[in-house]
PDB file of all heavy atoms in Angstrom:
ATOM      1  N   PHE A   1       0.844  -1.196   0.000  1.00  0.00           N
ATOM      2  CA  PHE A   1       0.000   0.000   0.000  1.00  0.00           C
ATOM      3  C   PHE A   1       0.880   1.248   0.000  1.00  0.00           C
ATOM      4  O   PHE A   1       1.907   1.299   0.669  1.00  0.00           O
ATOM      5  CB  PHE A   1      -0.909   0.010   1.228  1.00  0.00           C
ATOM      6  CG  PHE A   1      -1.766   1.233   1.327  1.00  0.00           C
ATOM      7  CD1 PHE A   1      -2.885   1.382   0.522  1.00  0.00           C
ATOM      8  CD2 PHE A   1      -1.439   2.247   2.207  1.00  0.00           C
ATOM      9  CE1 PHE A   1      -3.675   2.515   0.595  1.00  0.00           C
ATOM     10  CE2 PHE A   1      -2.226   3.385   2.290  1.00  0.00           C
ATOM     11  CZ  PHE A   1      -3.343   3.517   1.484  1.00  0.00           C
ATOM     12  N   SER A   2       0.459   2.261  -0.758  1.00  0.00           N
ATOM     13  CA  SER A   2       1.177   3.545  -0.746  1.00  0.00           C
ATOM     14  C   SER A   2       0.191   4.694  -0.926  1.00  0.00           C
ATOM     15  O   SER A   2      -0.928   4.512  -1.412  1.00  0.00           O
ATOM     16  CB  SER A   2       2.255   3.588  -1.832  1.00  0.00           C
ATOM     17  OG  SER A   2       1.682   3.471  -3.104  1.00  0.00           O
ATOM     18  N   VAL A   3       0.626   5.870  -0.507  1.00  0.00           N
ATOM     19  CA  VAL A   3      -0.153   7.096  -0.660  1.00  0.00           C
ATOM     20  C   VAL A   3       0.667   8.040  -1.525  1.00  0.00           C
ATOM     21  O   VAL A   3       1.870   8.203  -1.320  1.00  0.00           O
ATOM     22  CB  VAL A   3      -0.457   7.747   0.704  1.00  0.00           C
ATOM     23  CG1 VAL A   3      -1.170   9.084   0.522  1.00  0.00           C
ATOM     24  CG2 VAL A   3      -1.291   6.808   1.565  1.00  0.00           C
ATOM     25  N   ARG A   4      -0.011   8.662  -2.497  1.00  0.00           N
ATOM     26  CA  ARG A   4       0.660   9.532  -3.453  1.00  0.00           C
ATOM     27  C   ARG A   4      -0.089  10.862  -3.565  1.00  0.00           C
ATOM     28  O   ARG A   4      -1.312  10.895  -3.609  1.00  0.00           O
ATOM     29  CB  ARG A   4       0.691   8.849  -4.816  1.00  0.00           C
ATOM     30  CG  ARG A   4       1.365   9.642  -5.913  1.00  0.00           C
ATOM     31  CD  ARG A   4       1.422   8.855  -7.209  1.00  0.00           C
ATOM     32  NE  ARG A   4       2.371   7.747  -7.062  1.00  0.00           N
ATOM     33  CZ  ARG A   4       2.482   6.741  -7.921  1.00  0.00           C
ATOM     34  NH1 ARG A   4       1.722   6.691  -8.986  1.00  0.00           N
ATOM     35  NH2 ARG A   4       3.367   5.787  -7.717  1.00  0.00           N
ATOM     36  N   VAL A   5       0.680  11.953  -3.638  1.00  0.00           N
ATOM     37  CA  VAL A   5       0.121  13.266  -3.947  1.00  0.00           C
ATOM     38  C   VAL A   5       0.660  13.680  -5.310  1.00  0.00           C
ATOM     39  O   VAL A   5       1.752  13.266  -5.709  1.00  0.00           O
ATOM     40  CB  VAL A   5       0.454  14.328  -2.876  1.00  0.00           C
ATOM     41  CG1 VAL A   5      -0.202  13.991  -1.558  1.00  0.00           C
ATOM     42  CG2 VAL A   5       1.950  14.489  -2.709  1.00  0.00           C
ATOM     43  N   ALA A   6      -0.112  14.495  -6.021  1.00  0.00           N
ATOM     44  CA  ALA A   6       0.318  14.950  -7.346  1.00  0.00           C
ATOM     45  C   ALA A   6      -0.203  16.359  -7.603  1.00  0.00           C
ATOM     46  O   ALA A   6      -1.231  16.768  -7.049  1.00  0.00           O
ATOM     47  CB  ALA A   6      -0.184  13.998  -8.432  1.00  0.00           C
ATOM     48  N   PHE A   7       0.528  17.081  -8.444  1.00  0.00           N
ATOM     49  CA  PHE A   7       0.130  18.421  -8.869  1.00  0.00           C
ATOM     50  C   PHE A   7       0.452  18.560 -10.349  1.00  0.00           C
ATOM     51  O   PHE A   7       1.542  18.211 -10.784  1.00  0.00           O
ATOM     52  CB  PHE A   7       0.872  19.503  -8.080  1.00  0.00           C
ATOM     53  CG  PHE A   7       0.552  20.881  -8.543  1.00  0.00           C
ATOM     54  CD1 PHE A   7      -0.617  21.498  -8.136  1.00  0.00           C
ATOM     55  CD2 PHE A   7       1.394  21.551  -9.415  1.00  0.00           C
ATOM     56  CE1 PHE A   7      -0.939  22.776  -8.592  1.00  0.00           C
ATOM     57  CE2 PHE A   7       1.092  22.828  -9.866  1.00  0.00           C
ATOM     58  CZ  PHE A   7      -0.078  23.440  -9.451  1.00  0.00           C
ATOM     59  N   HIS A   8      -0.535  19.065 -11.117  1.00  0.00           N
ATOM     60  CA  HIS A   8      -0.363  19.255 -12.559  1.00  0.00           C
ATOM     61  C   HIS A   8      -0.799  20.662 -12.946  1.00  0.00           C
ATOM     62  O   HIS A   8      -1.724  21.214 -12.356  1.00  0.00           O
ATOM     63  CB  HIS A   8      -1.233  18.267 -13.349  1.00  0.00           C
ATOM     64  CG  HIS A   8      -0.846  16.848 -13.139  1.00  0.00           C
ATOM     65  ND1 HIS A   8      -1.303  16.108 -12.074  1.00  0.00           N
ATOM     66  CD2 HIS A   8      -0.047  16.042 -13.852  1.00  0.00           C
ATOM     67  CE1 HIS A   8      -0.795  14.894 -12.154  1.00  0.00           C
ATOM     68  NE2 HIS A   8      -0.029  14.820 -13.220  1.00  0.00           N
ATOM     69  N   ALA A   9      -0.162  21.191 -13.954  1.00  0.00           N
ATOM     70  CA  ALA A   9      -0.578  22.445 -14.583  1.00  0.00           C
ATOM     71  C   ALA A   9      -0.821  22.125 -16.045  1.00  0.00           C
ATOM     72  O   ALA A   9      -0.030  21.416 -16.667  1.00  0.00           O
ATOM     73  CB  ALA A   9       0.494  23.517 -14.440  1.00  0.00           C
ATOM     74  N   GLY A  10      -1.936  22.629 -16.576  1.00  0.00           N
ATOM     75  CA  GLY A  10      -2.240  22.304 -17.964  1.00  0.00           C
ATOM     76  C   GLY A  10      -3.275  23.216 -18.560  1.00  0.00           C
ATOM     77  O   GLY A  10      -3.642  24.244 -17.982  1.00  0.00           O
ATOM     78  N   ILE A  11      -3.738  22.809 -19.743  1.00  0.00           N
ATOM     79  CA  ILE A  11      -4.737  23.592 -20.454  1.00  0.00           C
ATOM     80  C   ILE A  11      -5.967  22.735 -20.709  1.00  0.00           C
ATOM     81  O   ILE A  11      -5.883  21.524 -20.886  1.00  0.00           O
ATOM     82  CB  ILE A  11      -4.188  24.151 -21.788  1.00  0.00           C
ATOM     83  CG1 ILE A  11      -3.688  23.019 -22.694  1.00  0.00           C
ATOM     84  CG2 ILE A  11      -3.072  25.145 -21.529  1.00  0.00           C
ATOM     85  CD1 ILE A  11      -3.320  23.456 -24.089  1.00  0.00           C
ATOM     86  N   VAL A  12      -7.098  23.401 -20.707  1.00  0.00           N
ATOM     87  CA  VAL A  12      -8.369  22.750 -21.025  1.00  0.00           C
ATOM     88  C   VAL A  12      -8.880  23.394 -22.311  1.00  0.00           C
ATOM     89  O   VAL A  12      -8.787  24.604 -22.493  1.00  0.00           O
ATOM     90  CB  VAL A  12      -9.370  22.870 -19.856  1.00  0.00           C
ATOM     91  CG1 VAL A  12      -9.743  24.291 -19.553  1.00  0.00           C
ATOM     92  CG2 VAL A  12     -10.590  22.018 -20.076  1.00  0.00           C
ATOM     93  N   ASP A  13      -9.384  22.570 -23.241  1.00  0.00           N
ATOM     94  CA  ASP A  13      -9.755  23.111 -24.548  1.00  0.00           C
ATOM     95  C   ASP A  13     -11.128  23.775 -24.584  1.00  0.00           C
ATOM     96  O   ASP A  13     -11.388  24.577 -25.458  1.00  0.00           O
ATOM     97  CB  ASP A  13      -9.648  22.035 -25.636  1.00  0.00           C
ATOM     98  CG  ASP A  13     -10.530  20.833 -25.379  1.00  0.00           C
ATOM     99  OD1 ASP A  13     -11.212  20.774 -24.342  1.00  0.00           O
ATOM    100  OD2 ASP A  13     -10.520  19.925 -26.226  1.00  0.00           O
ATOM    101  N   GLU A  14     -12.005  23.471 -23.650  1.00  0.00           N
ATOM    102  CA  GLU A  14     -13.308  24.140 -23.566  1.00  0.00           C
ATOM    103  C   GLU A  14     -13.434  24.672 -22.147  1.00  0.00           C
ATOM    104  O   GLU A  14     -13.911  23.993 -21.249  1.00  0.00           O
ATOM    105  CB  GLU A  14     -14.434  23.162 -23.886  1.00  0.00           C
ATOM    106  CG  GLU A  14     -14.418  22.687 -25.330  1.00  0.00           C
ATOM    107  CD  GLU A  14     -15.537  21.705 -25.634  1.00  0.00           C
ATOM    108  OE1 GLU A  14     -16.536  21.681 -24.885  1.00  0.00           O
ATOM    109  OE2 GLU A  14     -15.409  20.977 -26.617  1.00  0.00           O
ATOM    110  N   SER A  15     -13.009  25.904 -21.963  1.00  0.00           N
ATOM    111  CA  SER A  15     -12.826  26.434 -20.613  1.00  0.00           C
ATOM    112  C   SER A  15     -14.054  27.105 -20.002  1.00  0.00           C
ATOM    113  O   SER A  15     -14.010  27.512 -18.849  1.00  0.00           O
ATOM    114  CB  SER A  15     -11.661  27.424 -20.614  1.00  0.00           C
ATOM    115  OG  SER A  15     -11.942  28.490 -21.496  1.00  0.00           O
ATOM    116  N   GLU A  16     -15.158  27.214 -20.726  1.00  0.00           N
ATOM    117  CA  GLU A  16     -16.288  27.980 -20.191  1.00  0.00           C
ATOM    118  C   GLU A  16     -16.831  27.410 -18.877  1.00  0.00           C
ATOM    119  O   GLU A  16     -17.291  28.158 -18.017  1.00  0.00           O
ATOM    120  CB  GLU A  16     -17.418  28.120 -21.218  1.00  0.00           C
ATOM    121  CG  GLU A  16     -17.994  26.832 -21.755  1.00  0.00           C
ATOM    122  CD  GLU A  16     -17.225  26.261 -22.936  1.00  0.00           C
ATOM    123  OE1 GLU A  16     -16.293  26.893 -23.438  1.00  0.00           O
ATOM    124  OE2 GLU A  16     -17.560  25.142 -23.344  1.00  0.00           O
ATOM    125  N   ASN A  17     -16.763  26.095 -18.651  1.00  0.00           N
ATOM    126  CA  ASN A  17     -17.255  25.518 -17.400  1.00  0.00           C
ATOM    127  C   ASN A  17     -16.293  25.699 -16.242  1.00  0.00           C
ATOM    128  O   ASN A  17     -16.693  25.645 -15.085  1.00  0.00           O
ATOM    129  CB  ASN A  17     -17.550  24.025 -17.579  1.00  0.00           C
ATOM    130  CG  ASN A  17     -18.736  23.787 -18.476  1.00  0.00           C
ATOM    131  OD1 ASN A  17     -19.617  24.625 -18.597  1.00  0.00           O
ATOM    132  ND2 ASN A  17     -18.759  22.642 -19.128  1.00  0.00           N
ATOM    133  N   LEU A  18     -15.024  25.913 -16.545  1.00  0.00           N
ATOM    134  CA  LEU A  18     -14.024  26.028 -15.489  1.00  0.00           C
ATOM    135  C   LEU A  18     -13.494  27.445 -15.304  1.00  0.00           C
ATOM    136  O   LEU A  18     -12.756  27.718 -14.374  1.00  0.00           O
ATOM    137  CB  LEU A  18     -12.860  25.067 -15.754  1.00  0.00           C
ATOM    138  CG  LEU A  18     -13.234  23.583 -15.639  1.00  0.00           C
ATOM    139  CD1 LEU A  18     -12.080  22.702 -16.107  1.00  0.00           C
ATOM    140  CD2 LEU A  18     -13.609  23.237 -14.207  1.00  0.00           C
ATOM    141  N   GLY A  19     -13.827  28.347 -16.195  1.00  0.00           N
ATOM    142  CA  GLY A  19     -13.501  29.746 -15.998  1.00  0.00           C
ATOM    143  C   GLY A  19     -12.228  30.255 -16.642  1.00  0.00           C
ATOM    144  O   GLY A  19     -12.014  31.454 -16.702  1.00  0.00           O
ATOM    145  N   TYR A  20     -11.343  29.351 -17.142  1.00  0.00           N
ATOM    146  CA  TYR A  20     -10.096  29.813 -17.743  1.00  0.00           C
ATOM    147  C   TYR A  20      -9.449  28.653 -18.485  1.00  0.00           C
ATOM    148  O   TYR A  20      -9.716  27.488 -18.189  1.00  0.00           O
ATOM    149  CB  TYR A  20      -9.150  30.358 -16.667  1.00  0.00           C
ATOM    150  CG  TYR A  20      -8.103  31.305 -17.181  1.00  0.00           C
ATOM    151  CD1 TYR A  20      -8.440  32.532 -17.738  1.00  0.00           C
ATOM    152  CD2 TYR A  20      -6.761  30.972 -17.102  1.00  0.00           C
ATOM    153  CE1 TYR A  20      -7.462  33.404 -18.199  1.00  0.00           C
ATOM    154  CE2 TYR A  20      -5.772  31.840 -17.556  1.00  0.00           C
ATOM    155  CZ  TYR A  20      -6.139  33.061 -18.105  1.00  0.00           C
ATOM    156  OH  TYR A  20      -5.168  33.917 -18.568  1.00  0.00           O
ATOM    157  N   THR A  21      -8.580  28.965 -19.420  1.00  0.00           N
ATOM    158  CA  THR A  21      -7.901  27.934 -20.203  1.00  0.00           C
ATOM    159  C   THR A  21      -6.832  27.205 -19.389  1.00  0.00           C
ATOM    160  O   THR A  21      -6.653  26.004 -19.528  1.00  0.00           O
ATOM    161  CB  THR A  21      -7.263  28.549 -21.462  1.00  0.00           C
ATOM    162  OG1 THR A  21      -8.287  29.206 -22.215  1.00  0.00           O
ATOM    163  CG2 THR A  21      -6.626  27.490 -22.326  1.00  0.00           C
ATOM    164  N   ILE A  22      -6.125  27.931 -18.528  1.00  0.00           N
ATOM    165  CA  ILE A  22      -5.093  27.308 -17.686  1.00  0.00           C
ATOM    166  C   ILE A  22      -5.760  26.784 -16.418  1.00  0.00           C
ATOM    167  O   ILE A  22      -6.465  27.527 -15.729  1.00  0.00           O
ATOM    168  CB  ILE A  22      -3.982  28.308 -17.343  1.00  0.00           C
ATOM    169  CG1 ILE A  22      -3.283  28.761 -18.631  1.00  0.00           C
ATOM    170  CG2 ILE A  22      -2.981  27.700 -16.360  1.00  0.00           C
ATOM    171  CD1 ILE A  22      -2.299  29.886 -18.439  1.00  0.00           C
ATOM    172  N   GLU A  23      -5.515  25.517 -16.110  1.00  0.00           N
ATOM    173  CA  GLU A  23      -6.106  24.884 -14.932  1.00  0.00           C
ATOM    174  C   GLU A  23      -5.035  24.090 -14.196  1.00  0.00           C
ATOM    175  O   GLU A  23      -4.091  23.582 -14.798  1.00  0.00           O
ATOM    176  CB  GLU A  23      -7.247  23.946 -15.337  1.00  0.00           C
ATOM    177  CG  GLU A  23      -8.434  24.638 -15.956  1.00  0.00           C
ATOM    178  CD  GLU A  23      -9.270  25.451 -14.978  1.00  0.00           C
ATOM    179  OE1 GLU A  23      -9.347  25.075 -13.779  1.00  0.00           O
ATOM    180  OE2 GLU A  23      -9.850  26.469 -15.396  1.00  0.00           O
ATOM    181  N   PHE A  24      -5.211  23.971 -12.891  1.00  0.00           N
ATOM    182  CA  PHE A  24      -4.303  23.214 -12.033  1.00  0.00           C
ATOM    183  C   PHE A  24      -5.074  22.040 -11.436  1.00  0.00           C
ATOM    184  O   PHE A  24      -6.200  22.215 -10.973  1.00  0.00           O
ATOM    185  CB  PHE A  24      -3.755  24.109 -10.915  1.00  0.00           C
ATOM    186  CG  PHE A  24      -3.092  25.345 -11.439  1.00  0.00           C
ATOM    187  CD1 PHE A  24      -3.767  26.562 -11.444  1.00  0.00           C
ATOM    188  CD2 PHE A  24      -1.807  25.296 -11.964  1.00  0.00           C
ATOM    189  CE1 PHE A  24      -3.168  27.709 -11.936  1.00  0.00           C
ATOM    190  CE2 PHE A  24      -1.200  26.440 -12.471  1.00  0.00           C
ATOM    191  CZ  PHE A  24      -1.878  27.640 -12.451  1.00  0.00           C
ATOM    192  N   TYR A  25      -4.459  20.864 -11.466  1.00  0.00           N
ATOM    193  CA  TYR A  25      -5.104  19.659 -10.932  1.00  0.00           C
ATOM    194  C   TYR A  25      -4.226  19.078  -9.835  1.00  0.00           C
ATOM    195  O   TYR A  25      -3.046  18.796 -10.054  1.00  0.00           O
ATOM    196  CB  TYR A  25      -5.307  18.627 -12.043  1.00  0.00           C
ATOM    197  CG  TYR A  25      -5.958  17.351 -11.574  1.00  0.00           C
ATOM    198  CD1 TYR A  25      -7.299  17.334 -11.208  1.00  0.00           C
ATOM    199  CD2 TYR A  25      -5.237  16.165 -11.503  1.00  0.00           C
ATOM    200  CE1 TYR A  25      -7.903  16.161 -10.780  1.00  0.00           C
ATOM    201  CE2 TYR A  25      -5.838  14.987 -11.085  1.00  0.00           C
ATOM    202  CZ  TYR A  25      -7.174  14.992 -10.712  1.00  0.00           C
ATOM    203  OH  TYR A  25      -7.773  13.836 -10.280  1.00  0.00           O
ATOM    204  N   SER A  26      -4.777  18.930  -8.654  1.00  0.00           N
ATOM    205  CA  SER A  26      -4.046  18.316  -7.549  1.00  0.00           C
ATOM    206  C   SER A  26      -4.830  17.101  -7.068  1.00  0.00           C
ATOM    207  O   SER A  26      -6.060  17.071  -7.176  1.00  0.00           O
ATOM    208  CB  SER A  26      -3.835  19.314  -6.408  1.00  0.00           C
ATOM    209  OG  SER A  26      -5.065  19.886  -6.029  1.00  0.00           O
ATOM    210  N   SER A  27      -4.108  16.109  -6.552  1.00  0.00           N
ATOM    211  CA  SER A  27      -4.786  14.874  -6.152  1.00  0.00           C
ATOM    212  C   SER A  27      -4.085  14.194  -4.987  1.00  0.00           C
ATOM    213  O   SER A  27      -2.901  14.404  -4.734  1.00  0.00           O
ATOM    214  CB  SER A  27      -4.884  13.913  -7.334  1.00  0.00           C
ATOM    215  OG  SER A  27      -3.598  13.529  -7.765  1.00  0.00           O
ATOM    216  N   LEU A  28      -4.867  13.371  -4.302  1.00  0.00           N
ATOM    217  CA  LEU A  28      -4.398  12.511  -3.238  1.00  0.00           C
ATOM    218  C   LEU A  28      -4.900  11.115  -3.574  1.00  0.00           C
ATOM    219  O   LEU A  28      -6.099  10.942  -3.833  1.00  0.00           O
ATOM    220  CB  LEU A  28      -4.944  12.971  -1.888  1.00  0.00           C
ATOM    221  CG  LEU A  28      -4.653  12.081  -0.684  1.00  0.00           C
ATOM    222  CD1 LEU A  28      -3.160  12.074  -0.376  1.00  0.00           C
ATOM    223  CD2 LEU A  28      -5.450  12.557   0.523  1.00  0.00           C
TER     224      LEU A  28
END
C-alpha cells in the first residue's frame, strides 16, 4: 500500500465551465 500526492498544470480546450484555459489539478 502507498499514498501519493500529485500536482499538474495544464490547459483545457473548452474552458467555459471552469472559468479559464489554464487549470491546475491536484490529487491525493
